[in-house]
């Protein structure tokens, strides 16, 4: 009798390993995890791009405010005269970077707006002939009331969203529109 128990025990220990169904279940779990990681990477890449665009927009808004502060406060209204910017409205600028060619305050406004508009359109990085360094569909709007300046920068994000109730009238209204709004007081 003890021999039979040992035979039965011996037979069960011989069957070590995984069945085909167990292997398939393990593969399904592993593939699901890999697909989840790939989807998470794609989402992270989109979010990273949107964050970089927001950072650039904020930097460009601060840039134009500092350019305005550096100029004569009597020229404030000239900055907003041709708003919105980012479509190539300001086609050239006077050279204001040497003692031989000093600019008037009005020429300095044109110089500032040309540089800012080129930055909005991405002229600082070119691939073949395409400008690739700026905001995607970037538009900058300036509003001046007295000594108060409002800068609104609009661009197109990667993911569709719903516009806030407090959307400024700058750029085209789409479900991917993003905005940065900065107000400053210029003395």
N, C-alpha and C. Protein backbone atom coordinates (compact mmCIF):
# COMPACT_ATOMS: atom_id res chain seq x y z
N UNK A 1 0.80 -1.20 0.00
CA UNK A 1 0.00 0.00 0.00
C UNK A 1 0.85 1.28 0.00
N UNK A 2 1.90 1.40 0.82
CA UNK A 2 2.69 2.61 0.79
C UNK A 2 3.34 2.83 -0.55
N UNK A 3 3.58 1.77 -1.28
CA UNK A 3 4.17 1.89 -2.61
C UNK A 3 3.26 2.68 -3.53
N UNK A 4 1.97 2.42 -3.48
CA UNK A 4 1.02 3.14 -4.34
C UNK A 4 0.99 4.63 -4.04
N UNK A 5 1.01 4.99 -2.81
CA UNK A 5 1.01 6.41 -2.46
C UNK A 5 2.25 7.07 -3.02
N UNK A 6 3.36 6.42 -2.89
CA UNK A 6 4.59 6.97 -3.43
C UNK A 6 4.53 7.07 -4.95
N UNK A 7 3.95 6.09 -5.63
CA UNK A 7 3.80 6.15 -7.08
C UNK A 7 2.92 7.33 -7.48
N UNK A 8 1.82 7.51 -6.74
CA UNK A 8 0.93 8.62 -7.06
C UNK A 8 1.67 9.95 -6.86
N UNK A 9 2.40 10.04 -5.76
CA UNK A 9 3.15 11.26 -5.49
C UNK A 9 4.23 11.45 -6.55
N UNK A 10 4.86 10.41 -6.93
CA UNK A 10 5.92 10.46 -7.93
C UNK A 10 5.37 10.90 -9.29
N UNK A 11 4.18 10.44 -9.65
CA UNK A 11 3.58 10.85 -10.92
C UNK A 11 3.25 12.34 -10.94
N UNK A 12 2.78 12.90 -9.86
CA UNK A 12 2.43 14.32 -9.81
C UNK A 12 3.66 15.22 -9.89
N UNK A 13 4.76 14.81 -9.36
CA UNK A 13 5.95 15.65 -9.40
C UNK A 13 6.62 15.62 -10.75
N UNK A 14 6.31 14.68 -11.58
CA UNK A 14 6.88 14.64 -12.91
C UNK A 14 6.30 15.72 -13.82
N UNK A 15 5.08 16.13 -13.56
CA UNK A 15 4.40 17.12 -14.40
C UNK A 15 4.73 18.53 -13.94
N UNK A 16 5.95 18.95 -14.13
CA UNK A 16 6.35 20.32 -13.79
C UNK A 16 6.40 21.12 -15.08
N UNK A 17 5.95 22.37 -15.03
CA UNK A 17 5.97 23.21 -16.21
C UNK A 17 4.63 23.91 -16.38
N UNK A 18 4.50 24.65 -17.46
CA UNK A 18 3.29 25.46 -17.70
C UNK A 18 2.50 24.85 -18.84
N UNK A 19 1.20 24.98 -18.72
CA UNK A 19 0.35 24.54 -19.82
C UNK A 19 0.28 25.64 -20.86
N UNK A 20 -0.25 25.31 -22.00
CA UNK A 20 -0.39 26.27 -23.10
C UNK A 20 -1.27 27.44 -22.69
N UNK A 21 -2.33 27.19 -21.95
CA UNK A 21 -3.26 28.25 -21.53
C UNK A 21 -2.56 29.20 -20.55
N UNK A 22 -1.77 28.65 -19.65
CA UNK A 22 -1.03 29.51 -18.73
C UNK A 22 -0.07 30.41 -19.48
N UNK A 23 0.61 29.87 -20.50
CA UNK A 23 1.53 30.66 -21.31
C UNK A 23 0.78 31.77 -22.03
N UNK A 24 -0.39 31.45 -22.60
CA UNK A 24 -1.19 32.48 -23.29
C UNK A 24 -1.65 33.57 -22.34
N UNK A 25 -2.08 33.20 -21.14
CA UNK A 25 -2.51 34.20 -20.16
C UNK A 25 -1.33 35.10 -19.79
N UNK A 26 -0.16 34.52 -19.57
CA UNK A 26 1.01 35.31 -19.25
C UNK A 26 1.36 36.26 -20.39
N UNK A 27 1.26 35.80 -21.64
CA UNK A 27 1.54 36.65 -22.80
C UNK A 27 0.54 37.80 -22.89
N UNK A 28 -0.73 37.53 -22.66
CA UNK A 28 -1.75 38.59 -22.71
C UNK A 28 -1.45 39.65 -21.66
N UNK A 29 -1.09 39.23 -20.46
CA UNK A 29 -0.78 40.19 -19.40
C UNK A 29 0.45 41.01 -19.77
N UNK A 30 1.46 40.36 -20.31
CA UNK A 30 2.69 41.07 -20.68
C UNK A 30 2.44 42.05 -21.82
N UNK A 31 1.70 41.65 -22.83
CA UNK A 31 1.41 42.53 -23.97
C UNK A 31 0.56 43.71 -23.52
N UNK A 32 -0.39 43.49 -22.63
CA UNK A 32 -1.21 44.58 -22.11
C UNK A 32 -0.32 45.61 -21.39
N UNK A 33 0.62 45.13 -20.61
CA UNK A 33 1.54 46.04 -19.92
C UNK A 33 2.40 46.83 -20.89
N UNK A 34 2.89 46.17 -21.93
CA UNK A 34 3.73 46.85 -22.92
C UNK A 34 2.92 47.90 -23.67
N UNK A 35 1.70 47.57 -24.07
CA UNK A 35 0.85 48.54 -24.76
C UNK A 35 0.51 49.73 -23.87
N UNK A 36 0.29 49.47 -22.59
CA UNK A 36 0.04 50.56 -21.64
C UNK A 36 1.23 51.49 -21.53
N UNK A 37 2.43 50.92 -21.50
CA UNK A 37 3.64 51.73 -21.42
C UNK A 37 3.83 52.57 -22.68
N UNK A 38 3.53 52.00 -23.84
CA UNK A 38 3.65 52.73 -25.11
C UNK A 38 2.63 53.88 -25.15
N UNK A 39 1.40 53.61 -24.72
CA UNK A 39 0.36 54.66 -24.71
C UNK A 39 0.75 55.77 -23.73
N UNK A 40 1.31 55.41 -22.60
CA UNK A 40 1.73 56.40 -21.63
C UNK A 40 2.87 57.26 -22.19
N UNK A 41 3.76 56.65 -22.93
CA UNK A 41 4.87 57.40 -23.54
C UNK A 41 4.35 58.42 -24.56
N UNK A 42 3.35 58.01 -25.36
CA UNK A 42 2.77 58.92 -26.35
C UNK A 42 2.09 60.10 -25.67
N UNK A 43 1.36 59.82 -24.60
CA UNK A 43 0.69 60.90 -23.86
C UNK A 43 1.71 61.83 -23.23
N UNK A 44 2.76 61.28 -22.69
CA UNK A 44 3.81 62.10 -22.08
C UNK A 44 4.48 62.99 -23.12
N UNK A 45 4.68 62.46 -24.32
CA UNK A 45 5.31 63.26 -25.38
C UNK A 45 4.42 64.44 -25.78
N UNK A 46 3.11 64.20 -25.92
CA UNK A 46 2.19 65.30 -26.24
C UNK A 46 2.18 66.34 -25.13
N UNK A 47 2.13 65.89 -23.90
CA UNK A 47 2.10 66.81 -22.76
C UNK A 47 3.40 67.61 -22.67
N UNK A 48 4.49 66.97 -22.95
CA UNK A 48 5.78 67.65 -22.93
C UNK A 48 5.83 68.73 -24.01
N UNK A 49 5.32 68.44 -25.19
CA UNK A 49 5.30 69.43 -26.27
C UNK A 49 4.42 70.61 -25.88
N UNK A 50 3.23 70.33 -25.33
CA UNK A 50 2.34 71.42 -24.91
C UNK A 50 2.99 72.27 -23.82
N UNK A 51 3.70 71.65 -22.90
CA UNK A 51 4.38 72.41 -21.83
C UNK A 51 5.49 73.28 -22.41
N UNK A 52 6.21 72.76 -23.40
CA UNK A 52 7.27 73.54 -24.03
C UNK A 52 6.67 74.74 -24.77
N UNK A 53 5.54 74.54 -25.45
CA UNK A 53 4.88 75.64 -26.15
C UNK A 53 4.39 76.70 -25.15
N UNK A 54 3.84 76.26 -24.03
CA UNK A 54 3.36 77.22 -23.01
C UNK A 54 4.54 78.01 -22.43
N UNK A 55 5.63 77.34 -22.19
CA UNK A 55 6.83 78.02 -21.68
C UNK A 55 7.34 79.05 -22.68
N UNK A 56 7.36 78.69 -23.96
CA UNK A 56 7.80 79.62 -25.00
C UNK A 56 6.86 80.82 -25.09
N UNK A 57 5.56 80.57 -25.02
CA UNK A 57 4.58 81.66 -25.09
C UNK A 57 4.76 82.62 -23.91
N UNK A 58 4.96 82.09 -22.73
CA UNK A 58 5.17 82.93 -21.56
C UNK A 58 6.46 83.74 -21.69
N UNK A 59 7.50 83.12 -22.21
CA UNK A 59 8.76 83.82 -22.43
C UNK A 59 8.61 84.93 -23.46
N UNK A 60 7.87 84.68 -24.54
CA UNK A 60 7.66 85.70 -25.57
C UNK A 60 6.83 86.87 -25.03
N UNK A 61 5.85 86.57 -24.17
CA UNK A 61 5.05 87.64 -23.58
C UNK A 61 5.93 88.52 -22.68
N UNK A 62 6.77 87.89 -21.88
CA UNK A 62 7.68 88.67 -21.02
C UNK A 62 8.67 89.46 -21.87
N UNK A 63 9.10 88.88 -22.99
CA UNK A 63 10.05 89.54 -23.88
C UNK A 63 9.50 90.86 -24.41
N UNK A 64 8.27 90.84 -24.91
CA UNK A 64 7.72 92.09 -25.48
C UNK A 64 7.45 93.11 -24.38
N UNK A 65 7.08 92.67 -23.20
CA UNK A 65 6.88 93.62 -22.09
C UNK A 65 8.20 94.30 -21.73
N UNK A 66 9.28 93.53 -21.70
CA UNK A 66 10.58 94.13 -21.40
C UNK A 66 11.05 95.05 -22.53
N UNK A 67 10.74 94.70 -23.77
CA UNK A 67 11.09 95.59 -24.89
C UNK A 67 10.32 96.91 -24.76
N UNK A 68 9.05 96.82 -24.39
CA UNK A 68 8.24 98.03 -24.23
C UNK A 68 8.78 98.87 -23.09
N UNK A 69 9.13 98.23 -21.97
CA UNK A 69 9.68 98.97 -20.82
C UNK A 69 10.99 99.68 -21.17
N UNK A 70 11.76 99.09 -22.07
CA UNK A 70 13.03 99.69 -22.45
C UNK A 70 12.90 100.88 -23.36
N UNK A 71 11.75 101.09 -23.94
CA UNK A 71 11.54 102.20 -24.87
C UNK A 71 10.88 103.36 -24.12
N UNK A 72 10.69 104.45 -24.82
CA UNK A 72 10.06 105.64 -24.28
C UNK A 72 8.58 105.36 -24.01
N UNK A 73 8.08 105.72 -22.84
CA UNK A 73 6.68 105.44 -22.51
C UNK A 73 5.70 106.23 -23.39
N UNK A 74 6.18 107.25 -24.08
CA UNK A 74 5.29 108.01 -24.98
C UNK A 74 4.94 107.20 -26.23
N UNK A 75 5.62 106.11 -26.48
CA UNK A 75 5.37 105.30 -27.69
C UNK A 75 4.52 104.06 -27.41
N UNK A 76 3.93 103.98 -26.23
CA UNK A 76 3.14 102.79 -25.87
C UNK A 76 2.07 102.45 -26.90
N UNK A 77 1.33 103.45 -27.34
CA UNK A 77 0.22 103.18 -28.27
C UNK A 77 0.72 102.64 -29.60
N UNK A 78 1.95 102.94 -29.99
CA UNK A 78 2.49 102.45 -31.27
C UNK A 78 2.66 100.93 -31.26
N UNK A 79 2.89 100.34 -30.08
CA UNK A 79 3.07 98.89 -29.99
C UNK A 79 1.79 98.14 -30.35
N UNK A 80 0.66 98.71 -30.00
CA UNK A 80 -0.61 98.03 -30.26
C UNK A 80 -1.24 98.43 -31.59
N UNK A 81 -0.63 99.33 -32.33
CA UNK A 81 -1.25 99.89 -33.54
C UNK A 81 -1.56 98.84 -34.60
N UNK A 82 -0.69 97.87 -34.81
CA UNK A 82 -0.91 96.86 -35.85
C UNK A 82 -1.23 95.47 -35.30
N UNK A 83 -1.67 95.40 -34.07
CA UNK A 83 -1.98 94.12 -33.44
C UNK A 83 -3.12 93.43 -34.20
N UNK A 84 -3.12 92.17 -34.42
CA UNK A 84 -2.26 91.10 -33.91
C UNK A 84 -0.99 90.91 -34.74
N UNK A 85 0.00 90.27 -34.10
CA UNK A 85 1.28 89.99 -34.73
C UNK A 85 1.48 88.48 -34.85
N UNK A 86 2.38 88.10 -35.73
CA UNK A 86 2.66 86.69 -35.93
C UNK A 86 2.28 86.21 -37.32
N UNK A 87 1.83 87.15 -38.14
CA UNK A 87 1.42 86.79 -39.51
C UNK A 87 2.35 87.39 -40.55
N UNK A 88 3.40 88.07 -40.11
CA UNK A 88 4.34 88.68 -41.04
C UNK A 88 3.99 90.11 -41.39
N UNK A 89 3.23 90.79 -40.53
CA UNK A 89 2.85 92.19 -40.79
C UNK A 89 4.05 93.13 -40.81
N UNK A 90 4.96 92.94 -39.86
CA UNK A 90 6.13 93.80 -39.79
C UNK A 90 7.20 93.14 -40.64
N UNK A 91 7.44 93.68 -41.82
CA UNK A 91 8.29 93.01 -42.80
C UNK A 91 9.77 93.34 -42.67
N UNK A 92 10.11 94.47 -42.06
CA UNK A 92 11.52 94.81 -41.88
C UNK A 92 11.66 95.72 -40.67
N UNK A 93 12.90 95.87 -40.25
CA UNK A 93 13.15 96.71 -39.09
C UNK A 93 14.41 97.53 -39.32
N UNK A 94 14.44 98.75 -38.80
CA UNK A 94 15.67 99.53 -38.89
C UNK A 94 16.75 98.91 -38.02
N UNK A 95 17.99 99.16 -38.37
CA UNK A 95 19.12 98.67 -37.57
C UNK A 95 19.36 99.65 -36.44
N UNK A 96 19.19 99.14 -35.23
CA UNK A 96 19.30 100.02 -34.06
C UNK A 96 20.38 99.55 -33.10
N UNK A 97 21.35 98.81 -33.57
CA UNK A 97 22.29 98.20 -32.64
C UNK A 97 23.71 98.75 -32.71
N UNK A 98 23.86 99.95 -33.22
CA UNK A 98 25.20 100.54 -33.22
C UNK A 98 25.10 102.04 -32.97
N UNK A 99 26.20 102.64 -32.59
CA UNK A 99 26.20 104.09 -32.33
C UNK A 99 26.09 104.88 -33.63
N UNK A 100 26.43 104.26 -34.74
CA UNK A 100 26.32 104.94 -36.04
C UNK A 100 24.88 105.03 -36.51
N UNK A 101 24.04 104.15 -36.01
CA UNK A 101 22.64 104.16 -36.47
C UNK A 101 21.70 104.10 -35.28
N UNK A 102 21.57 105.21 -34.57
CA UNK A 102 20.65 105.29 -33.45
C UNK A 102 19.23 105.47 -33.96
N UNK A 103 18.31 104.83 -33.34
CA UNK A 103 16.91 104.89 -33.78
C UNK A 103 16.12 105.89 -32.94
N UNK A 104 15.10 106.43 -33.56
CA UNK A 104 14.14 107.25 -32.83
C UNK A 104 13.26 106.29 -32.02
N UNK A 105 12.51 106.79 -31.06
CA UNK A 105 11.62 105.90 -30.32
C UNK A 105 10.62 105.16 -31.23
N UNK A 106 10.10 105.83 -32.26
CA UNK A 106 9.17 105.15 -33.18
C UNK A 106 9.86 104.05 -33.97
N UNK A 107 11.11 104.29 -34.39
CA UNK A 107 11.87 103.26 -35.10
C UNK A 107 12.20 102.09 -34.17
N UNK A 108 12.41 102.40 -32.91
CA UNK A 108 12.69 101.34 -31.94
C UNK A 108 11.47 100.45 -31.74
N UNK A 109 10.27 101.03 -31.80
CA UNK A 109 9.04 100.25 -31.72
C UNK A 109 8.98 99.27 -32.89
N UNK A 110 9.26 99.75 -34.09
CA UNK A 110 9.26 98.88 -35.27
C UNK A 110 10.32 97.79 -35.12
N UNK A 111 11.48 98.15 -34.63
CA UNK A 111 12.55 97.18 -34.41
C UNK A 111 12.11 96.11 -33.41
N UNK A 112 11.51 96.53 -32.30
CA UNK A 112 11.05 95.60 -31.27
C UNK A 112 9.98 94.66 -31.80
N UNK A 113 8.99 95.24 -32.51
CA UNK A 113 7.88 94.43 -33.02
C UNK A 113 8.35 93.45 -34.09
N UNK A 114 9.30 93.85 -34.92
CA UNK A 114 9.83 92.94 -35.94
C UNK A 114 10.51 91.74 -35.27
N UNK A 115 11.37 92.02 -34.30
CA UNK A 115 12.05 90.93 -33.59
C UNK A 115 11.08 90.02 -32.87
N UNK A 116 10.06 90.60 -32.24
CA UNK A 116 9.07 89.81 -31.50
C UNK A 116 8.23 88.97 -32.45
N UNK A 117 7.81 89.56 -33.56
CA UNK A 117 7.01 88.81 -34.53
C UNK A 117 7.81 87.67 -35.15
N UNK A 118 9.08 87.91 -35.44
CA UNK A 118 9.93 86.84 -35.97
C UNK A 118 10.05 85.70 -34.96
N UNK A 119 10.16 86.04 -33.68
CA UNK A 119 10.23 85.00 -32.64
C UNK A 119 8.91 84.23 -32.54
N UNK A 120 7.78 84.93 -32.67
CA UNK A 120 6.47 84.26 -32.66
C UNK A 120 6.36 83.25 -33.81
N UNK A 121 6.89 83.63 -34.96
CA UNK A 121 6.79 82.77 -36.15
C UNK A 121 7.90 81.73 -36.22
N UNK A 122 8.86 81.78 -35.31
CA UNK A 122 9.91 80.77 -35.28
C UNK A 122 11.04 80.98 -36.24
N UNK A 123 11.37 82.23 -36.54
CA UNK A 123 12.43 82.53 -37.50
C UNK A 123 13.82 82.19 -36.98
N UNK A 124 13.93 81.95 -35.67
CA UNK A 124 15.26 81.64 -35.12
C UNK A 124 15.70 80.21 -35.40
N UNK A 125 14.80 79.34 -35.86
CA UNK A 125 15.16 77.96 -36.23
C UNK A 125 14.49 77.64 -37.55
N UNK A 126 15.30 77.32 -38.56
CA UNK A 126 14.77 77.07 -39.90
C UNK A 126 15.20 75.69 -40.36
N UNK A 127 14.25 74.92 -40.90
CA UNK A 127 14.52 73.61 -41.49
C UNK A 127 14.21 73.75 -42.97
N UNK A 128 15.23 73.68 -43.82
CA UNK A 128 15.12 74.03 -45.24
C UNK A 128 14.69 75.48 -45.32
N UNK A 129 13.47 75.76 -45.74
CA UNK A 129 12.99 77.14 -45.77
C UNK A 129 11.83 77.35 -44.79
N UNK A 130 11.50 76.32 -44.03
CA UNK A 130 10.37 76.39 -43.11
C UNK A 130 10.83 76.83 -41.72
N UNK A 131 10.10 77.81 -41.15
CA UNK A 131 10.39 78.28 -39.80
C UNK A 131 9.81 77.28 -38.81
N UNK A 132 10.65 76.73 -37.94
CA UNK A 132 10.20 75.66 -37.05
C UNK A 132 10.45 75.95 -35.58
N UNK A 133 10.93 77.12 -35.23
CA UNK A 133 11.31 77.37 -33.84
C UNK A 133 10.26 78.04 -32.99
N UNK A 134 9.17 78.49 -33.54
CA UNK A 134 8.20 79.26 -32.76
C UNK A 134 7.01 78.43 -32.30
N UNK A 135 5.97 79.14 -32.00
CA UNK A 135 4.73 78.51 -31.57
C UNK A 135 3.99 77.96 -32.77
N UNK A 136 3.22 76.92 -32.56
CA UNK A 136 2.40 76.35 -33.64
C UNK A 136 1.21 77.29 -33.82
N UNK A 137 1.18 77.99 -34.95
CA UNK A 137 0.08 78.93 -35.20
C UNK A 137 0.09 80.10 -34.23
N UNK A 138 1.26 80.55 -33.82
CA UNK A 138 1.37 81.59 -32.80
C UNK A 138 0.91 82.96 -33.28
N UNK A 139 0.07 83.58 -32.48
CA UNK A 139 -0.42 84.94 -32.73
C UNK A 139 -0.25 85.73 -31.43
N UNK A 140 0.27 86.95 -31.54
CA UNK A 140 0.43 87.81 -30.37
C UNK A 140 -0.41 89.07 -30.53
N UNK A 141 -1.17 89.38 -29.50
CA UNK A 141 -2.01 90.57 -29.52
C UNK A 141 -1.60 91.49 -28.37
N UNK A 142 -1.51 92.78 -28.69
CA UNK A 142 -1.15 93.78 -27.69
C UNK A 142 -2.28 94.78 -27.55
N UNK A 143 -2.63 95.08 -26.31
CA UNK A 143 -3.63 96.09 -26.03
C UNK A 143 -3.02 97.09 -25.06
N UNK A 144 -3.12 98.37 -25.38
CA UNK A 144 -2.57 99.41 -24.52
C UNK A 144 -3.70 100.35 -24.13
N UNK A 145 -3.88 100.53 -22.83
CA UNK A 145 -4.85 101.49 -22.30
C UNK A 145 -4.11 102.31 -21.26
N UNK A 146 -3.82 103.56 -21.61
CA UNK A 146 -3.02 104.39 -20.72
C UNK A 146 -1.62 103.80 -20.58
N UNK A 147 -1.23 103.49 -19.37
CA UNK A 147 0.07 102.86 -19.13
C UNK A 147 -0.07 101.36 -18.88
N UNK A 148 -1.23 100.83 -19.08
CA UNK A 148 -1.47 99.40 -18.88
C UNK A 148 -1.34 98.66 -20.22
N UNK A 149 -0.56 97.59 -20.22
CA UNK A 149 -0.34 96.80 -21.43
C UNK A 149 -0.81 95.38 -21.16
N UNK A 150 -1.61 94.85 -22.07
CA UNK A 150 -2.03 93.46 -21.98
C UNK A 150 -1.47 92.72 -23.19
N UNK A 151 -0.75 91.62 -22.91
CA UNK A 151 -0.17 90.79 -23.96
C UNK A 151 -0.92 89.46 -23.95
N UNK A 152 -1.47 89.10 -25.11
CA UNK A 152 -2.15 87.81 -25.25
C UNK A 152 -1.44 87.05 -26.36
N UNK A 153 -1.00 85.85 -26.04
CA UNK A 153 -0.38 85.00 -27.05
C UNK A 153 -1.21 83.75 -27.18
N UNK A 154 -1.59 83.46 -28.42
CA UNK A 154 -2.43 82.30 -28.74
C UNK A 154 -1.64 81.36 -29.64
N UNK A 155 -1.81 80.08 -29.42
CA UNK A 155 -1.19 79.07 -30.29
C UNK A 155 -2.08 77.84 -30.31
N UNK A 156 -1.74 76.88 -31.15
CA UNK A 156 -2.53 75.66 -31.29
C UNK A 156 -1.85 74.52 -30.55
N UNK A 157 -2.59 73.88 -29.65
CA UNK A 157 -2.07 72.74 -28.90
C UNK A 157 -2.27 71.45 -29.68
N UNK A 158 -1.83 70.35 -29.10
CA UNK A 158 -1.94 69.04 -29.74
C UNK A 158 -3.26 68.34 -29.44
N UNK A 159 -3.82 68.59 -28.26
CA UNK A 159 -5.00 67.87 -27.80
C UNK A 159 -6.18 68.84 -27.73
N UNK A 160 -7.34 68.37 -28.14
CA UNK A 160 -8.54 69.21 -28.10
C UNK A 160 -8.97 69.46 -26.66
N UNK A 161 -9.39 70.70 -26.39
CA UNK A 161 -9.90 71.10 -25.08
C UNK A 161 -11.13 71.96 -25.29
N UNK A 162 -11.68 72.43 -24.21
CA UNK A 162 -12.80 73.37 -24.27
C UNK A 162 -12.29 74.72 -23.81
N UNK A 163 -12.57 75.78 -24.58
CA UNK A 163 -12.13 77.11 -24.20
C UNK A 163 -12.76 77.54 -22.89
N UNK A 164 -11.99 78.28 -22.14
CA UNK A 164 -12.48 78.85 -20.89
C UNK A 164 -13.48 79.96 -21.20
N UNK A 165 -14.19 80.38 -20.21
CA UNK A 165 -15.12 81.49 -20.37
C UNK A 165 -14.34 82.79 -20.58
N UNK A 166 -13.13 82.88 -20.00
CA UNK A 166 -12.31 84.08 -20.07
C UNK A 166 -11.34 84.07 -21.25
N UNK A 167 -11.81 83.77 -22.44
CA UNK A 167 -10.94 83.72 -23.61
C UNK A 167 -10.82 85.12 -24.20
N UNK A 168 -9.59 85.51 -24.48
CA UNK A 168 -9.34 86.80 -25.11
C UNK A 168 -9.54 86.66 -26.61
N UNK A 169 -9.98 87.74 -27.26
CA UNK A 169 -10.20 87.73 -28.70
C UNK A 169 -8.86 87.91 -29.41
N UNK A 170 -8.13 86.82 -29.54
CA UNK A 170 -6.82 86.85 -30.19
C UNK A 170 -6.63 85.50 -30.86
N UNK A 171 -6.43 85.50 -32.15
CA UNK A 171 -6.26 84.23 -32.86
C UNK A 171 -7.59 83.57 -33.19
N UNK A 172 -7.51 82.43 -33.88
CA UNK A 172 -8.74 81.74 -34.28
C UNK A 172 -9.26 80.85 -33.16
N UNK A 173 -10.56 80.84 -33.05
CA UNK A 173 -11.21 80.00 -32.04
C UNK A 173 -11.31 78.57 -32.55
N UNK A 174 -10.54 77.68 -31.96
CA UNK A 174 -10.60 76.26 -32.29
C UNK A 174 -10.60 75.47 -30.98
N UNK A 175 -10.83 74.18 -31.08
CA UNK A 175 -10.84 73.37 -29.86
C UNK A 175 -9.43 73.00 -29.39
N UNK A 176 -8.40 73.46 -30.10
CA UNK A 176 -7.02 73.24 -29.65
C UNK A 176 -6.32 74.54 -29.28
N UNK A 177 -7.07 75.63 -29.20
CA UNK A 177 -6.47 76.93 -28.90
C UNK A 177 -5.99 76.99 -27.45
N UNK A 178 -4.79 77.56 -27.30
CA UNK A 178 -4.20 77.80 -25.98
C UNK A 178 -3.84 79.28 -25.91
N UNK A 179 -3.88 79.85 -24.71
CA UNK A 179 -3.56 81.27 -24.54
C UNK A 179 -2.76 81.52 -23.27
N UNK A 180 -1.89 82.49 -23.37
CA UNK A 180 -1.21 83.06 -22.21
C UNK A 180 -1.55 84.54 -22.21
N UNK A 181 -2.02 85.04 -21.08
CA UNK A 181 -2.40 86.45 -20.95
C UNK A 181 -1.58 87.06 -19.82
N UNK A 182 -0.86 88.12 -20.13
CA UNK A 182 -0.06 88.82 -19.12
C UNK A 182 -0.36 90.31 -19.20
N UNK A 183 -0.63 90.88 -18.07
CA UNK A 183 -0.87 92.32 -17.99
C UNK A 183 0.28 92.97 -17.22
N UNK A 184 0.64 94.16 -17.64
CA UNK A 184 1.73 94.89 -16.99
C UNK A 184 1.41 96.38 -16.99
N UNK A 185 2.01 97.08 -16.07
CA UNK A 185 1.87 98.52 -16.00
C UNK A 185 3.24 99.11 -16.31
N UNK A 186 3.31 99.96 -17.33
CA UNK A 186 4.56 100.55 -17.78
C UNK A 186 4.65 101.98 -17.28
N UNK A 187 5.74 102.29 -16.60
CA UNK A 187 5.92 103.64 -16.06
C UNK A 187 6.80 104.43 -17.00
